[in-house]
Amino acid sequence: MSATAALLQRLRDDQGARLQFARYVAIGGFVFILDVGSFKVMYARGVVLAAATTLSYLLAVCTHFTLNRLYNFRNFDRALWRQARTYAVVAGLCLIVQLGVVEALFRLVHLDATLAKAAGVAVNIPLGFLGHRYLTFGHGIGGAIRRLRA
């Protein structure tokens, strides 16, 4: 089952998940503006595409982690550093996806760099939500593996 299909199934069945997803999207909207805005500034000033993509992404994920931890998932069961470490893994995987999407759309399809960046962000919405809900602000990677084995 794809991440998008799993998300749609969960949202259909769980009102709490719908509320979390709505907040996740609202926070994501703010972070998107921060991400794309900082990307545009850096790229316009001559920063290499991959570096501008990565730096704007890092600024965005730091903001995203903080807002989701405090206002959306509100999970303080695991230590901050453990959540941050898991967040970094999920965000790192999303960065790899985003870099691939941005580079492919820019180089192969010749899409405008900003539109390619926006498409990369859109691809990560369901992936990031599921990863952060169940791993970062859930039981962590190790906890998820133990639950799958049980």
C-alpha atoms as a PDB file:
ATOM      1  CA  MET A   1       0.000   0.000   0.000  1.00  0.00           C
ATOM      2  CA  SER A   2       1.413   3.409  -0.919  1.00  0.00           C
ATOM      3  CA  ALA A   3       1.958   6.110   1.700  1.00  0.00           C
ATOM      4  CA  THR A   4      -0.842   8.159   0.167  1.00  0.00           C
ATOM      5  CA  ALA A   5      -3.287   5.226   0.203  1.00  0.00           C
ATOM      6  CA  ALA A   6      -2.349   4.396   3.810  1.00  0.00           C
ATOM      7  CA  LEU A   7      -2.878   8.011   4.799  1.00  0.00           C
ATOM      8  CA  LEU A   8      -6.265   8.225   3.095  1.00  0.00           C
ATOM      9  CA  GLN A   9      -7.370   4.985   4.790  1.00  0.00           C
ATOM     10  CA  ARG A  10      -6.269   6.286   8.197  1.00  0.00           C
ATOM     11  CA  LEU A  11      -7.906   9.682   7.714  1.00  0.00           C
ATOM     12  CA  ARG A  12     -11.173   8.038   6.741  1.00  0.00           C
ATOM     13  CA  ASP A  13     -11.204   5.906   9.884  1.00  0.00           C
ATOM     14  CA  ASP A  14      -9.729   8.152  12.573  1.00  0.00           C
ATOM     15  CA  GLN A  15     -11.014  11.617  13.521  1.00  0.00           C
ATOM     16  CA  GLY A  16      -7.923  12.316  15.633  1.00  0.00           C
ATOM     17  CA  ALA A  17      -5.723  11.574  12.628  1.00  0.00           C
ATOM     18  CA  ARG A  18      -7.834  13.959  10.513  1.00  0.00           C
ATOM     19  CA  LEU A  19      -7.301  16.749  13.030  1.00  0.00           C
ATOM     20  CA  GLN A  20      -3.583  16.053  13.253  1.00  0.00           C
ATOM     21  CA  PHE A  21      -3.325  15.995   9.467  1.00  0.00           C
ATOM     22  CA  ALA A  22      -5.179  19.330   9.211  1.00  0.00           C
ATOM     23  CA  ARG A  23      -2.786  20.910  11.713  1.00  0.00           C
ATOM     24  CA  TYR A  24       0.147  19.252   9.944  1.00  0.00           C
ATOM     25  CA  VAL A  25      -0.961  20.799   6.647  1.00  0.00           C
ATOM     26  CA  ALA A  26      -1.465  24.243   8.275  1.00  0.00           C
ATOM     27  CA  ILE A  27       1.988  24.130   9.849  1.00  0.00           C
ATOM     28  CA  GLY A  28       3.303  22.811   6.560  1.00  0.00           C
ATOM     29  CA  GLY A  29       1.761  25.765   4.716  1.00  0.00           C
ATOM     30  CA  PHE A  30       3.665  28.204   6.891  1.00  0.00           C
ATOM     31  CA  VAL A  31       6.851  26.167   6.598  1.00  0.00           C
ATOM     32  CA  PHE A  32       6.343  25.882   2.828  1.00  0.00           C
ATOM     33  CA  ILE A  33       6.391  29.677   2.524  1.00  0.00           C
ATOM     34  CA  LEU A  34       9.545  29.781   4.629  1.00  0.00           C
ATOM     35  CA  ASP A  35      11.132  26.953   2.624  1.00  0.00           C
ATOM     36  CA  VAL A  36      10.325  28.255  -0.863  1.00  0.00           C
ATOM     37  CA  GLY A  37      10.962  31.877   0.095  1.00  0.00           C
ATOM     38  CA  SER A  38      14.408  31.164   1.475  1.00  0.00           C
ATOM     39  CA  PHE A  39      15.113  28.889  -1.522  1.00  0.00           C
ATOM     40  CA  LYS A  40      14.178  31.661  -3.959  1.00  0.00           C
ATOM     41  CA  VAL A  41      16.398  34.192  -2.183  1.00  0.00           C
ATOM     42  CA  MET A  42      19.395  31.850  -2.128  1.00  0.00           C
ATOM     43  CA  TYR A  43      18.950  30.640  -5.705  1.00  0.00           C
ATOM     44  CA  ALA A  44      18.500  34.210  -6.985  1.00  0.00           C
ATOM     45  CA  ARG A  45      21.771  35.163  -5.263  1.00  0.00           C
ATOM     46  CA  GLY A  46      23.679  32.442  -7.085  1.00  0.00           C
ATOM     47  CA  VAL A  47      23.613  29.570  -4.623  1.00  0.00           C
ATOM     48  CA  VAL A  48      23.867  26.250  -6.500  1.00  0.00           C
ATOM     49  CA  LEU A  49      20.474  24.516  -6.939  1.00  0.00           C
ATOM     50  CA  ALA A  50      21.245  21.501  -4.728  1.00  0.00           C
ATOM     51  CA  ALA A  51      22.727  23.702  -1.974  1.00  0.00           C
ATOM     52  CA  ALA A  52      19.777  26.136  -2.054  1.00  0.00           C
ATOM     53  CA  THR A  53      17.374  23.182  -1.931  1.00  0.00           C
ATOM     54  CA  THR A  54      19.225  21.624   1.017  1.00  0.00           C
ATOM     55  CA  LEU A  55      19.705  24.825   3.048  1.00  0.00           C
ATOM     56  CA  SER A  56      16.096  25.962   2.659  1.00  0.00           C
ATOM     57  CA  TYR A  57      14.990  22.442   3.557  1.00  0.00           C
ATOM     58  CA  LEU A  58      17.082  22.458   6.741  1.00  0.00           C
ATOM     59  CA  LEU A  59      15.604  25.784   7.856  1.00  0.00           C
ATOM     60  CA  ALA A  60      12.134  24.455   7.118  1.00  0.00           C
ATOM     61  CA  VAL A  61      12.553  21.143   8.962  1.00  0.00           C
ATOM     62  CA  CYS A  62      13.868  22.820  12.115  1.00  0.00           C
ATOM     63  CA  THR A  63      10.807  25.058  12.152  1.00  0.00           C
ATOM     64  CA  HIS A  64       8.530  22.157  11.221  1.00  0.00           C
ATOM     65  CA  PHE A  65       9.837  19.923  14.019  1.00  0.00           C
ATOM     66  CA  THR A  66       9.404  22.593  16.663  1.00  0.00           C
ATOM     67  CA  LEU A  67       5.871  23.594  15.634  1.00  0.00           C
ATOM     68  CA  ASN A  68       4.664  19.999  15.238  1.00  0.00           C
ATOM     69  CA  ARG A  69       6.152  18.932  18.561  1.00  0.00           C
ATOM     70  CA  LEU A  70       4.632  21.828  20.479  1.00  0.00           C
ATOM     71  CA  TYR A  71       1.307  22.418  18.711  1.00  0.00           C
ATOM     72  CA  ASN A  72       0.305  19.374  16.697  1.00  0.00           C
ATOM     73  CA  PHE A  73       1.428  15.991  17.955  1.00  0.00           C
ATOM     74  CA  ARG A  74       2.141  17.231  21.493  1.00  0.00           C
ATOM     75  CA  ASN A  75       3.956  14.029  22.326  1.00  0.00           C
ATOM     76  CA  PHE A  76       6.506  14.432  25.088  1.00  0.00           C
ATOM     77  CA  ASP A  77       6.717  10.732  26.065  1.00  0.00           C
ATOM     78  CA  ARG A  78      10.128  10.332  24.445  1.00  0.00           C
ATOM     79  CA  ALA A  79      13.057  12.627  25.172  1.00  0.00           C
ATOM     80  CA  LEU A  80      13.471  15.668  22.922  1.00  0.00           C
ATOM     81  CA  TRP A  81      16.805  14.410  21.593  1.00  0.00           C
ATOM     82  CA  ARG A  82      15.262  11.032  20.711  1.00  0.00           C
ATOM     83  CA  GLN A  83      12.424  12.713  18.845  1.00  0.00           C
ATOM     84  CA  ALA A  84      14.868  15.061  17.127  1.00  0.00           C
ATOM     85  CA  ARG A  85      17.049  12.124  16.080  1.00  0.00           C
ATOM     86  CA  THR A  86      14.065  10.256  14.638  1.00  0.00           C
ATOM     87  CA  TYR A  87      12.837  13.460  12.996  1.00  0.00           C
ATOM     88  CA  ALA A  88      16.260  13.854  11.371  1.00  0.00           C
ATOM     89  CA  VAL A  89      16.060  10.332   9.919  1.00  0.00           C
ATOM     90  CA  VAL A  90      12.539  10.872   8.532  1.00  0.00           C
ATOM     91  CA  ALA A  91      13.441  14.362   7.274  1.00  0.00           C
ATOM     92  CA  GLY A  92      16.659  13.038   5.733  1.00  0.00           C
ATOM     93  CA  LEU A  93      14.731  10.440   3.781  1.00  0.00           C
ATOM     94  CA  CYS A  94      12.275  13.129   2.690  1.00  0.00           C
ATOM     95  CA  LEU A  95      15.220  15.309   1.637  1.00  0.00           C
ATOM     96  CA  ILE A  96      16.518  12.536  -0.607  1.00  0.00           C
ATOM     97  CA  VAL A  97      13.058  12.250  -2.174  1.00  0.00           C
ATOM     98  CA  GLN A  98      12.835  16.032  -2.562  1.00  0.00           C
ATOM     99  CA  LEU A  99      16.279  16.334  -4.143  1.00  0.00           C
ATOM    100  CA  GLY A 100      15.376  13.614  -6.620  1.00  0.00           C
ATOM    101  CA  VAL A 101      12.079  15.269  -7.544  1.00  0.00           C
ATOM    102  CA  VAL A 102      13.590  18.764  -7.846  1.00  0.00           C
ATOM    103  CA  GLU A 103      16.551  17.628  -9.916  1.00  0.00           C
ATOM    104  CA  ALA A 104      14.437  15.408 -12.190  1.00  0.00           C
ATOM    105  CA  LEU A 105      11.799  18.048 -12.836  1.00  0.00           C
ATOM    106  CA  PHE A 106      14.368  20.808 -13.337  1.00  0.00           C
ATOM    107  CA  ARG A 107      16.888  18.865 -15.454  1.00  0.00           C
ATOM    108  CA  LEU A 108      14.710  16.387 -17.338  1.00  0.00           C
ATOM    109  CA  VAL A 109      11.361  18.177 -17.643  1.00  0.00           C
ATOM    110  CA  HIS A 110      12.881  21.703 -17.656  1.00  0.00           C
ATOM    111  CA  LEU A 111      10.367  22.900 -15.099  1.00  0.00           C
ATOM    112  CA  ASP A 112      11.080  26.220 -13.402  1.00  0.00           C
ATOM    113  CA  ALA A 113      13.262  25.662 -10.313  1.00  0.00           C
ATOM    114  CA  THR A 114      10.660  27.107  -7.921  1.00  0.00           C
ATOM    115  CA  LEU A 115       7.879  24.922  -9.360  1.00  0.00           C
ATOM    116  CA  ALA A 116      10.167  21.895  -9.148  1.00  0.00           C
ATOM    117  CA  LYS A 117      10.836  22.752  -5.489  1.00  0.00           C
ATOM    118  CA  ALA A 118       7.091  23.072  -4.822  1.00  0.00           C
ATOM    119  CA  ALA A 119       6.465  19.677  -6.417  1.00  0.00           C
ATOM    120  CA  GLY A 120       9.176  18.152  -4.233  1.00  0.00           C
ATOM    121  CA  VAL A 121       7.462  19.535  -1.148  1.00  0.00           C
ATOM    122  CA  ALA A 122       4.055  18.208  -2.277  1.00  0.00           C
ATOM    123  CA  VAL A 123       5.416  14.689  -2.737  1.00  0.00           C
ATOM    124  CA  ASN A 124       6.671  14.708   0.853  1.00  0.00           C
ATOM    125  CA  ILE A 125       3.394  15.686   2.549  1.00  0.00           C
ATOM    126  CA  PRO A 126       1.968  12.157   3.002  1.00  0.00           C
ATOM    127  CA  LEU A 127       5.411  10.600   3.516  1.00  0.00           C
ATOM    128  CA  GLY A 128       6.382  13.132   6.166  1.00  0.00           C
ATOM    129  CA  PHE A 129       3.057  13.019   7.997  1.00  0.00           C
ATOM    130  CA  LEU A 130       3.099   9.242   8.325  1.00  0.00           C
ATOM    131  CA  GLY A 131       6.772   9.157   9.292  1.00  0.00           C
ATOM    132  CA  HIS A 132       6.423  11.846  11.922  1.00  0.00           C
ATOM    133  CA  ARG A 133       3.117  10.638  13.324  1.00  0.00           C
ATOM    134  CA  TYR A 134       4.190   7.033  13.776  1.00  0.00           C
ATOM    135  CA  LEU A 135       7.956   7.338  14.214  1.00  0.00           C
ATOM    136  CA  THR A 136       9.057  10.800  15.376  1.00  0.00           C
ATOM    137  CA  PHE A 137       6.115  11.469  17.686  1.00  0.00           C
ATOM    138  CA  GLY A 138       5.135   7.830  18.091  1.00  0.00           C
ATOM    139  CA  HIS A 139       7.211   4.956  19.429  1.00  0.00           C
ATOM    140  CA  GLY A 140      10.346   5.755  17.424  1.00  0.00           C
ATOM    141  CA  ILE A 141      11.990   3.619  14.765  1.00  0.00           C
ATOM    142  CA  GLY A 142      13.041   0.906  17.204  1.00  0.00           C
ATOM    143  CA  GLY A 143       9.586   0.833  18.797  1.00  0.00           C
ATOM    144  CA  ALA A 144       7.930   0.560  15.379  1.00  0.00           C
ATOM    145  CA  ILE A 145      10.197  -2.348  14.440  1.00  0.00           C
ATOM    146  CA  ARG A 146       9.462  -4.124  17.735  1.00  0.00           C
ATOM    147  CA  ARG A 147       5.700  -3.640  17.192  1.00  0.00           C
ATOM    148  CA  LEU A 148       5.925  -5.040  13.665  1.00  0.00           C
ATOM    149  CA  ARG A 149       7.780  -8.117  14.920  1.00  0.00           C
ATOM    150  CA  ALA A 150       5.261  -8.775  17.704  1.00  0.00           C
END
